[in-house]
Amino acid sequence: MPTASLDEIRARVGGEVGVSGWIAVDQARIDLFADVTEDRQFIHVDPAAAAQTPFGGTIAHGFLTLSLLSRMAADAMLVPEGTRMGVNYGFEKVRFLAPVRSGKRVRGRFVLTSVEEKRPGQFQFVHAVTVEIEGEDKPALVADWIGLVFI
């Protein structure tokens, strides 16, 4: 993850802090996620049956797309210099807006909305995240993601 001073990061509140690289969401990735989560609904794993739906083929699980935020954050989120660890604290909201069709690529766009010191050396960061689908106008998801950083 890119690093910066805490003051530099605080100065970025309200603005975009980074955009991740593209991540391929192919059928192999979708199938592996289905196996791990035991969610083998046909719209994810059966191309012939999924072709008969309004999606026209298989789509990624919404939770697969959401789970890729960790990888996207590694490219895009700023981490304070001297960070000992960071943990996922949860979400204020998550909305799945458009399906990610098998074979598409996605990336995350991160806007830092707040930084708050909760305890000495413990900071809560909130990012408004948009997961874009390459070549499409509508994003896959939007979320307000909360993380705790320990310095």
N, C-alpha and C. Protein backbone atom coordinates (compact mmCIF):
# COMPACT_ATOMS: atom_id res chain seq x y z
N MET A 1 0.84 -1.18 0.00
CA MET A 1 0.00 0.00 0.00
C MET A 1 0.88 1.25 0.00
N PRO A 2 0.45 2.26 -0.72
CA PRO A 2 1.20 3.51 -0.69
C PRO A 2 1.16 4.13 0.71
N THR A 3 2.26 4.78 1.13
CA THR A 3 2.31 5.39 2.44
C THR A 3 2.43 6.90 2.33
N ALA A 4 2.01 7.57 3.39
CA ALA A 4 2.12 9.03 3.50
C ALA A 4 2.05 9.37 4.98
N SER A 5 2.41 10.60 5.32
CA SER A 5 2.29 11.01 6.72
C SER A 5 0.81 11.13 7.07
N LEU A 6 0.51 11.03 8.35
CA LEU A 6 -0.88 11.17 8.79
C LEU A 6 -1.42 12.55 8.41
N ASP A 7 -0.61 13.58 8.53
CA ASP A 7 -1.05 14.92 8.14
C ASP A 7 -1.37 15.00 6.65
N GLU A 8 -0.53 14.37 5.83
CA GLU A 8 -0.80 14.36 4.38
C GLU A 8 -2.10 13.62 4.07
N ILE A 9 -2.33 12.54 4.77
CA ILE A 9 -3.56 11.77 4.55
C ILE A 9 -4.77 12.58 4.99
N ARG A 10 -4.69 13.20 6.16
CA ARG A 10 -5.81 14.02 6.63
C ARG A 10 -6.12 15.15 5.65
N ALA A 11 -5.12 15.68 5.01
CA ALA A 11 -5.33 16.75 4.03
C ALA A 11 -6.08 16.26 2.80
N ARG A 12 -6.14 14.96 2.61
CA ARG A 12 -6.81 14.38 1.44
C ARG A 12 -8.28 14.03 1.71
N VAL A 13 -8.76 14.24 2.94
CA VAL A 13 -10.16 13.94 3.26
C VAL A 13 -11.06 14.72 2.29
N GLY A 14 -12.02 14.00 1.71
CA GLY A 14 -12.95 14.59 0.76
C GLY A 14 -12.51 14.42 -0.69
N GLY A 15 -11.32 13.88 -0.88
CA GLY A 15 -10.81 13.71 -2.24
C GLY A 15 -10.43 12.27 -2.54
N GLU A 16 -10.25 12.02 -3.81
CA GLU A 16 -9.84 10.69 -4.25
C GLU A 16 -8.40 10.44 -3.84
N VAL A 17 -8.16 9.28 -3.23
CA VAL A 17 -6.80 8.94 -2.80
C VAL A 17 -6.14 7.92 -3.71
N GLY A 18 -6.92 7.24 -4.54
CA GLY A 18 -6.31 6.28 -5.43
C GLY A 18 -7.31 5.46 -6.21
N VAL A 19 -6.78 4.86 -7.27
CA VAL A 19 -7.55 3.96 -8.13
C VAL A 19 -6.70 2.71 -8.30
N SER A 20 -7.30 1.56 -8.11
CA SER A 20 -6.55 0.31 -8.23
C SER A 20 -6.33 -0.06 -9.68
N GLY A 21 -5.50 -1.07 -9.87
CA GLY A 21 -5.37 -1.67 -11.19
C GLY A 21 -6.60 -2.52 -11.49
N TRP A 22 -6.71 -2.92 -12.74
CA TRP A 22 -7.83 -3.78 -13.16
C TRP A 22 -7.60 -5.21 -12.69
N ILE A 23 -8.68 -5.87 -12.31
CA ILE A 23 -8.65 -7.28 -11.88
C ILE A 23 -9.63 -8.06 -12.76
N ALA A 24 -9.15 -9.12 -13.36
CA ALA A 24 -10.00 -9.97 -14.21
C ALA A 24 -10.92 -10.82 -13.34
N VAL A 25 -12.19 -10.85 -13.72
CA VAL A 25 -13.17 -11.70 -13.05
C VAL A 25 -13.64 -12.73 -14.08
N ASP A 26 -12.84 -13.78 -14.22
CA ASP A 26 -13.16 -14.81 -15.22
C ASP A 26 -13.93 -15.95 -14.58
N GLN A 27 -14.36 -16.87 -15.39
CA GLN A 27 -15.18 -17.98 -14.89
C GLN A 27 -14.42 -18.83 -13.88
N ALA A 28 -13.13 -19.00 -14.07
CA ALA A 28 -12.35 -19.80 -13.12
C ALA A 28 -12.38 -19.16 -11.73
N ARG A 29 -12.25 -17.83 -11.65
CA ARG A 29 -12.31 -17.14 -10.36
C ARG A 29 -13.70 -17.28 -9.74
N ILE A 30 -14.74 -17.14 -10.57
CA ILE A 30 -16.11 -17.27 -10.09
C ILE A 30 -16.35 -18.68 -9.55
N ASP A 31 -15.89 -19.69 -10.28
CA ASP A 31 -16.07 -21.08 -9.85
C ASP A 31 -15.34 -21.36 -8.53
N LEU A 32 -14.12 -20.83 -8.39
CA LEU A 32 -13.39 -21.02 -7.14
C LEU A 32 -14.11 -20.37 -5.97
N PHE A 33 -14.65 -19.17 -6.19
CA PHE A 33 -15.40 -18.50 -5.13
C PHE A 33 -16.65 -19.31 -4.78
N ALA A 34 -17.32 -19.84 -5.78
CA ALA A 34 -18.50 -20.68 -5.53
C ALA A 34 -18.14 -21.89 -4.68
N ASP A 35 -16.99 -22.50 -4.96
CA ASP A 35 -16.56 -23.66 -4.18
C ASP A 35 -16.26 -23.28 -2.73
N VAL A 36 -15.56 -22.19 -2.54
CA VAL A 36 -15.17 -21.77 -1.19
C VAL A 36 -16.40 -21.39 -0.36
N THR A 37 -17.33 -20.69 -0.96
CA THR A 37 -18.51 -20.21 -0.22
C THR A 37 -19.69 -21.18 -0.25
N GLU A 38 -19.58 -22.20 -1.08
CA GLU A 38 -20.65 -23.17 -1.28
C GLU A 38 -21.91 -22.52 -1.83
N ASP A 39 -21.72 -21.43 -2.57
CA ASP A 39 -22.82 -20.75 -3.25
C ASP A 39 -22.69 -21.07 -4.73
N ARG A 40 -23.36 -22.12 -5.16
CA ARG A 40 -23.25 -22.59 -6.54
C ARG A 40 -24.53 -22.31 -7.33
N GLN A 41 -25.15 -21.17 -7.05
CA GLN A 41 -26.35 -20.80 -7.79
C GLN A 41 -26.02 -20.79 -9.29
N PHE A 42 -26.94 -21.25 -10.10
CA PHE A 42 -26.67 -21.46 -11.53
C PHE A 42 -26.24 -20.18 -12.25
N ILE A 43 -26.69 -19.02 -11.80
CA ILE A 43 -26.31 -17.79 -12.51
C ILE A 43 -24.82 -17.51 -12.39
N HIS A 44 -24.15 -18.20 -11.47
CA HIS A 44 -22.71 -18.04 -11.30
C HIS A 44 -21.91 -19.15 -11.98
N VAL A 45 -22.42 -20.37 -11.99
CA VAL A 45 -21.58 -21.51 -12.38
C VAL A 45 -22.08 -22.33 -13.57
N ASP A 46 -23.25 -22.04 -14.09
CA ASP A 46 -23.80 -22.83 -15.20
C ASP A 46 -24.00 -21.92 -16.41
N PRO A 47 -22.98 -21.83 -17.29
CA PRO A 47 -23.07 -20.91 -18.43
C PRO A 47 -24.29 -21.13 -19.31
N ALA A 48 -24.69 -22.39 -19.53
CA ALA A 48 -25.84 -22.66 -20.41
C ALA A 48 -27.13 -22.14 -19.78
N ALA A 49 -27.35 -22.45 -18.52
CA ALA A 49 -28.57 -21.98 -17.85
C ALA A 49 -28.55 -20.47 -17.67
N ALA A 50 -27.39 -19.91 -17.32
CA ALA A 50 -27.28 -18.46 -17.11
C ALA A 50 -27.50 -17.69 -18.41
N ALA A 51 -27.20 -18.32 -19.54
CA ALA A 51 -27.41 -17.66 -20.84
C ALA A 51 -28.89 -17.40 -21.10
N GLN A 52 -29.76 -18.14 -20.44
CA GLN A 52 -31.21 -17.99 -20.63
C GLN A 52 -31.81 -16.90 -19.73
N THR A 53 -30.99 -16.27 -18.90
CA THR A 53 -31.46 -15.23 -17.99
C THR A 53 -31.24 -13.86 -18.63
N PRO A 54 -31.80 -12.82 -18.04
CA PRO A 54 -31.53 -11.47 -18.55
C PRO A 54 -30.05 -11.08 -18.54
N PHE A 55 -29.22 -11.80 -17.75
CA PHE A 55 -27.79 -11.50 -17.71
C PHE A 55 -27.08 -11.99 -18.97
N GLY A 56 -27.64 -12.99 -19.66
CA GLY A 56 -27.05 -13.50 -20.89
C GLY A 56 -25.82 -14.37 -20.69
N GLY A 57 -25.52 -14.71 -19.47
CA GLY A 57 -24.36 -15.55 -19.15
C GLY A 57 -24.11 -15.49 -17.66
N THR A 58 -23.03 -16.12 -17.24
CA THR A 58 -22.74 -16.16 -15.81
C THR A 58 -22.25 -14.80 -15.32
N ILE A 59 -22.51 -14.57 -14.05
CA ILE A 59 -22.09 -13.34 -13.39
C ILE A 59 -21.37 -13.68 -12.09
N ALA A 60 -20.52 -12.77 -11.66
CA ALA A 60 -19.81 -12.95 -10.39
C ALA A 60 -20.78 -12.79 -9.23
N HIS A 61 -20.50 -13.46 -8.16
CA HIS A 61 -21.22 -13.24 -6.90
C HIS A 61 -20.94 -11.80 -6.46
N GLY A 62 -21.95 -11.14 -5.93
CA GLY A 62 -21.72 -9.82 -5.38
C GLY A 62 -20.64 -9.84 -4.31
N PHE A 63 -20.66 -10.89 -3.48
CA PHE A 63 -19.66 -10.98 -2.42
C PHE A 63 -18.26 -11.25 -2.96
N LEU A 64 -18.14 -11.85 -4.13
CA LEU A 64 -16.83 -11.99 -4.77
C LEU A 64 -16.30 -10.60 -5.11
N THR A 65 -17.13 -9.80 -5.75
CA THR A 65 -16.71 -8.45 -6.11
C THR A 65 -16.33 -7.68 -4.85
N LEU A 66 -17.14 -7.78 -3.81
CA LEU A 66 -16.85 -7.09 -2.55
C LEU A 66 -15.53 -7.58 -1.96
N SER A 67 -15.28 -8.87 -2.03
CA SER A 67 -14.06 -9.43 -1.44
C SER A 67 -12.80 -8.93 -2.14
N LEU A 68 -12.93 -8.51 -3.38
CA LEU A 68 -11.77 -8.00 -4.11
C LEU A 68 -11.32 -6.62 -3.64
N LEU A 69 -12.14 -5.98 -2.79
CA LEU A 69 -11.74 -4.67 -2.26
C LEU A 69 -10.41 -4.73 -1.54
N SER A 70 -10.13 -5.81 -0.85
CA SER A 70 -8.85 -5.92 -0.14
C SER A 70 -7.69 -5.83 -1.12
N ARG A 71 -7.80 -6.53 -2.23
CA ARG A 71 -6.74 -6.47 -3.24
C ARG A 71 -6.65 -5.08 -3.87
N MET A 72 -7.81 -4.49 -4.15
CA MET A 72 -7.84 -3.15 -4.75
C MET A 72 -7.22 -2.13 -3.80
N ALA A 73 -7.50 -2.26 -2.51
CA ALA A 73 -6.97 -1.32 -1.52
C ALA A 73 -5.45 -1.34 -1.49
N ALA A 74 -4.86 -2.50 -1.73
CA ALA A 74 -3.40 -2.59 -1.72
C ALA A 74 -2.78 -1.68 -2.77
N ASP A 75 -3.49 -1.41 -3.84
CA ASP A 75 -3.01 -0.50 -4.89
C ASP A 75 -3.30 0.95 -4.56
N ALA A 76 -4.40 1.22 -3.87
CA ALA A 76 -4.97 2.56 -3.89
C ALA A 76 -5.04 3.30 -2.56
N MET A 77 -5.26 2.62 -1.46
CA MET A 77 -5.44 3.31 -0.17
C MET A 77 -4.10 3.80 0.36
N LEU A 78 -4.12 4.96 0.98
CA LEU A 78 -2.94 5.49 1.64
C LEU A 78 -2.88 4.98 3.07
N VAL A 79 -1.70 4.58 3.49
CA VAL A 79 -1.48 4.08 4.84
C VAL A 79 -0.51 5.02 5.54
N PRO A 80 -0.80 5.40 6.78
CA PRO A 80 0.14 6.27 7.49
C PRO A 80 1.49 5.60 7.70
N GLU A 81 2.55 6.40 7.54
CA GLU A 81 3.89 5.90 7.84
C GLU A 81 3.92 5.41 9.28
N GLY A 82 4.59 4.31 9.54
CA GLY A 82 4.71 3.78 10.89
C GLY A 82 3.54 2.92 11.32
N THR A 83 2.64 2.57 10.39
CA THR A 83 1.50 1.73 10.74
C THR A 83 1.97 0.36 11.21
N ARG A 84 1.45 -0.06 12.37
CA ARG A 84 1.76 -1.39 12.90
C ARG A 84 0.83 -2.44 12.32
N MET A 85 -0.45 -2.06 12.16
CA MET A 85 -1.40 -2.98 11.53
C MET A 85 -2.68 -2.22 11.19
N GLY A 86 -3.41 -2.78 10.27
CA GLY A 86 -4.72 -2.27 9.91
C GLY A 86 -5.70 -3.43 9.88
N VAL A 87 -6.95 -3.15 10.28
CA VAL A 87 -7.97 -4.20 10.27
C VAL A 87 -9.25 -3.67 9.63
N ASN A 88 -9.96 -4.56 9.03
CA ASN A 88 -11.27 -4.27 8.45
C ASN A 88 -12.26 -4.11 9.59
N TYR A 89 -12.98 -2.99 9.64
CA TYR A 89 -13.94 -2.75 10.70
C TYR A 89 -15.38 -2.94 10.22
N GLY A 90 -15.57 -2.91 8.90
CA GLY A 90 -16.90 -3.16 8.36
C GLY A 90 -17.32 -2.11 7.36
N PHE A 91 -18.63 -2.05 7.15
CA PHE A 91 -19.21 -1.16 6.15
C PHE A 91 -20.40 -0.43 6.74
N GLU A 92 -20.56 0.82 6.35
CA GLU A 92 -21.78 1.54 6.67
C GLU A 92 -22.86 1.20 5.65
N LYS A 93 -22.45 1.00 4.42
CA LYS A 93 -23.42 0.63 3.39
C LYS A 93 -22.70 -0.06 2.25
N VAL A 94 -23.38 -0.99 1.65
CA VAL A 94 -22.91 -1.66 0.44
C VAL A 94 -24.11 -1.79 -0.47
N ARG A 95 -23.94 -1.40 -1.72
CA ARG A 95 -25.01 -1.56 -2.71
C ARG A 95 -24.42 -2.19 -3.95
N PHE A 96 -25.04 -3.26 -4.42
CA PHE A 96 -24.64 -3.93 -5.66
C PHE A 96 -25.49 -3.33 -6.77
N LEU A 97 -24.90 -2.57 -7.66
CA LEU A 97 -25.64 -1.80 -8.65
C LEU A 97 -25.73 -2.45 -10.02
N ALA A 98 -24.71 -3.20 -10.40
CA ALA A 98 -24.71 -3.84 -11.72
C ALA A 98 -23.95 -5.16 -11.64
N PRO A 99 -24.40 -6.16 -12.39
CA PRO A 99 -23.71 -7.45 -12.37
C PRO A 99 -22.36 -7.37 -13.06
N VAL A 100 -21.42 -8.16 -12.55
CA VAL A 100 -20.12 -8.29 -13.20
C VAL A 100 -20.16 -9.59 -14.00
N ARG A 101 -20.22 -9.46 -15.30
CA ARG A 101 -20.29 -10.64 -16.16
C ARG A 101 -18.94 -11.32 -16.23
N SER A 102 -18.98 -12.63 -16.33
CA SER A 102 -17.75 -13.41 -16.44
C SER A 102 -16.92 -12.89 -17.61
N GLY A 103 -15.63 -12.70 -17.35
CA GLY A 103 -14.72 -12.20 -18.37
C GLY A 103 -14.45 -10.71 -18.29
N LYS A 104 -15.20 -10.00 -17.46
CA LYS A 104 -15.00 -8.56 -17.31
C LYS A 104 -13.86 -8.28 -16.34
N ARG A 105 -13.42 -7.01 -16.35
CA ARG A 105 -12.42 -6.56 -15.38
C ARG A 105 -13.02 -5.45 -14.53
N VAL A 106 -12.59 -5.41 -13.26
CA VAL A 106 -13.08 -4.41 -12.32
C VAL A 106 -11.90 -3.70 -11.68
N ARG A 107 -12.18 -2.49 -11.18
CA ARG A 107 -11.17 -1.76 -10.40
C ARG A 107 -11.88 -0.92 -9.36
N GLY A 108 -11.14 -0.54 -8.32
CA GLY A 108 -11.70 0.25 -7.24
C GLY A 108 -11.23 1.68 -7.28
N ARG A 109 -12.15 2.58 -7.03
CA ARG A 109 -11.86 4.02 -6.92
C ARG A 109 -12.16 4.40 -5.48
N PHE A 110 -11.19 4.99 -4.77
CA PHE A 110 -11.26 5.24 -3.34
C PHE A 110 -11.24 6.73 -3.03
N VAL A 111 -12.27 7.19 -2.31
CA VAL A 111 -12.35 8.56 -1.82
C VAL A 111 -12.32 8.49 -0.30
N LEU A 112 -11.37 9.19 0.29
CA LEU A 112 -11.27 9.22 1.75
C LEU A 112 -12.30 10.20 2.29
N THR A 113 -13.25 9.71 3.09
CA THR A 113 -14.30 10.59 3.58
C THR A 113 -14.06 11.06 5.01
N SER A 114 -13.31 10.30 5.81
CA SER A 114 -13.01 10.76 7.16
C SER A 114 -11.84 10.01 7.76
N VAL A 115 -11.17 10.70 8.70
CA VAL A 115 -10.12 10.11 9.53
C VAL A 115 -10.39 10.60 10.94
N GLU A 116 -10.55 9.67 11.87
CA GLU A 116 -10.86 10.04 13.24
C GLU A 116 -10.00 9.22 14.20
N GLU A 117 -9.34 9.91 15.13
CA GLU A 117 -8.57 9.20 16.15
C GLU A 117 -9.54 8.71 17.21
N LYS A 118 -9.67 7.40 17.35
CA LYS A 118 -10.60 6.80 18.30
C LYS A 118 -9.97 6.65 19.68
N ARG A 119 -8.70 6.32 19.70
CA ARG A 119 -7.88 6.20 20.92
C ARG A 119 -6.48 6.62 20.52
N PRO A 120 -5.62 6.90 21.46
CA PRO A 120 -4.26 7.26 21.07
C PRO A 120 -3.62 6.17 20.19
N GLY A 121 -3.21 6.57 19.00
CA GLY A 121 -2.57 5.64 18.08
C GLY A 121 -3.52 4.75 17.30
N GLN A 122 -4.83 4.90 17.49
CA GLN A 122 -5.82 4.09 16.77
C GLN A 122 -6.72 5.03 15.98
N PHE A 123 -6.71 4.87 14.67
CA PHE A 123 -7.44 5.76 13.78
C PHE A 123 -8.47 4.99 12.97
N GLN A 124 -9.65 5.59 12.83
CA GLN A 124 -10.69 5.03 11.97
C GLN A 124 -10.69 5.81 10.65
N PHE A 125 -10.53 5.07 9.58
CA PHE A 125 -10.56 5.64 8.24
C PHE A 125 -11.85 5.18 7.56
N VAL A 126 -12.54 6.08 6.89
CA VAL A 126 -13.70 5.71 6.11
C VAL A 126 -13.44 6.11 4.67
N HIS A 127 -13.66 5.16 3.76
CA HIS A 127 -13.50 5.39 2.32
C HIS A 127 -14.82 5.12 1.62
N ALA A 128 -15.19 6.01 0.73
CA ALA A 128 -16.28 5.75 -0.20
C ALA A 128 -15.63 5.05 -1.39
N VAL A 129 -16.05 3.83 -1.63
CA VAL A 129 -15.44 3.02 -2.68
C VAL A 129 -16.45 2.77 -3.79
N THR A 130 -15.99 2.92 -5.01
CA THR A 130 -16.79 2.57 -6.19
C THR A 130 -16.02 1.53 -6.97
N VAL A 131 -16.65 0.39 -7.24
CA VAL A 131 -16.02 -0.63 -8.07
C VAL A 131 -16.57 -0.49 -9.48
N GLU A 132 -15.69 -0.10 -10.38
CA GLU A 132 -16.05 0.13 -11.78
C GLU A 132 -15.88 -1.15 -12.58
N ILE A 133 -16.71 -1.28 -13.60
CA ILE A 133 -16.62 -2.40 -14.54
C ILE A 133 -16.09 -1.82 -15.84
N GLU A 134 -15.01 -2.39 -16.33
CA GLU A 134 -14.39 -1.88 -17.55
C GLU A 134 -15.39 -1.84 -18.71
N GLY A 135 -15.48 -0.68 -19.36
CA GLY A 135 -16.34 -0.54 -20.52
C GLY A 135 -17.80 -0.33 -20.22
N GLU A 136 -18.16 -0.19 -18.94
CA GLU A 136 -19.57 0.00 -18.58
C GLU A 136 -19.73 1.30 -17.79
N ASP A 137 -20.88 1.92 -17.95
CA ASP A 137 -21.16 3.18 -17.26
C ASP A 137 -21.54 2.98 -15.80
N LYS A 138 -22.28 1.93 -15.52
CA LYS A 138 -22.79 1.71 -14.17
C LYS A 138 -21.77 0.89 -13.37
N PRO A 139 -21.47 1.31 -12.14
CA PRO A 139 -20.51 0.54 -11.33
C PRO A 139 -21.12 -0.75 -10.80
N ALA A 140 -20.24 -1.68 -10.47
CA ALA A 140 -20.67 -2.95 -9.88
C ALA A 140 -21.21 -2.73 -8.48
N LEU A 141 -20.51 -1.90 -7.71
CA LEU A 141 -20.95 -1.66 -6.34
C LEU A 141 -20.40 -0.35 -5.84
N VAL A 142 -21.06 0.15 -4.81
CA VAL A 142 -20.57 1.29 -4.04
C VAL A 142 -20.64 0.88 -2.58
N ALA A 143 -19.69 1.37 -1.78
CA ALA A 143 -19.65 1.01 -0.37
C ALA A 143 -18.94 2.10 0.42
N ASP A 144 -19.33 2.24 1.67
CA ASP A 144 -18.60 3.06 2.63
C ASP A 144 -17.88 2.09 3.53
N TRP A 145 -16.55 2.03 3.39
CA TRP A 145 -15.74 1.00 4.02
C TRP A 145 -14.96 1.61 5.19
N ILE A 146 -15.06 0.96 6.32
CA ILE A 146 -14.41 1.46 7.54
C ILE A 146 -13.22 0.56 7.89
N GLY A 147 -12.10 1.18 8.17
CA GLY A 147 -10.92 0.45 8.59
C GLY A 147 -10.33 1.08 9.84
N LEU A 148 -9.68 0.27 10.64
CA LEU A 148 -8.95 0.76 11.81
C LEU A 148 -7.46 0.60 11.55
N VAL A 149 -6.72 1.66 11.82
CA VAL A 149 -5.28 1.66 11.62
C VAL A 149 -4.62 1.91 12.98
N PHE A 150 -3.63 1.10 13.29
CA PHE A 150 -2.89 1.22 14.55
C PHE A 150 -1.48 1.67 14.25
N ILE A 151 -1.12 2.83 14.81
CA ILE A 151 0.20 3.41 14.56
C ILE A 151 1.04 3.30 15.81
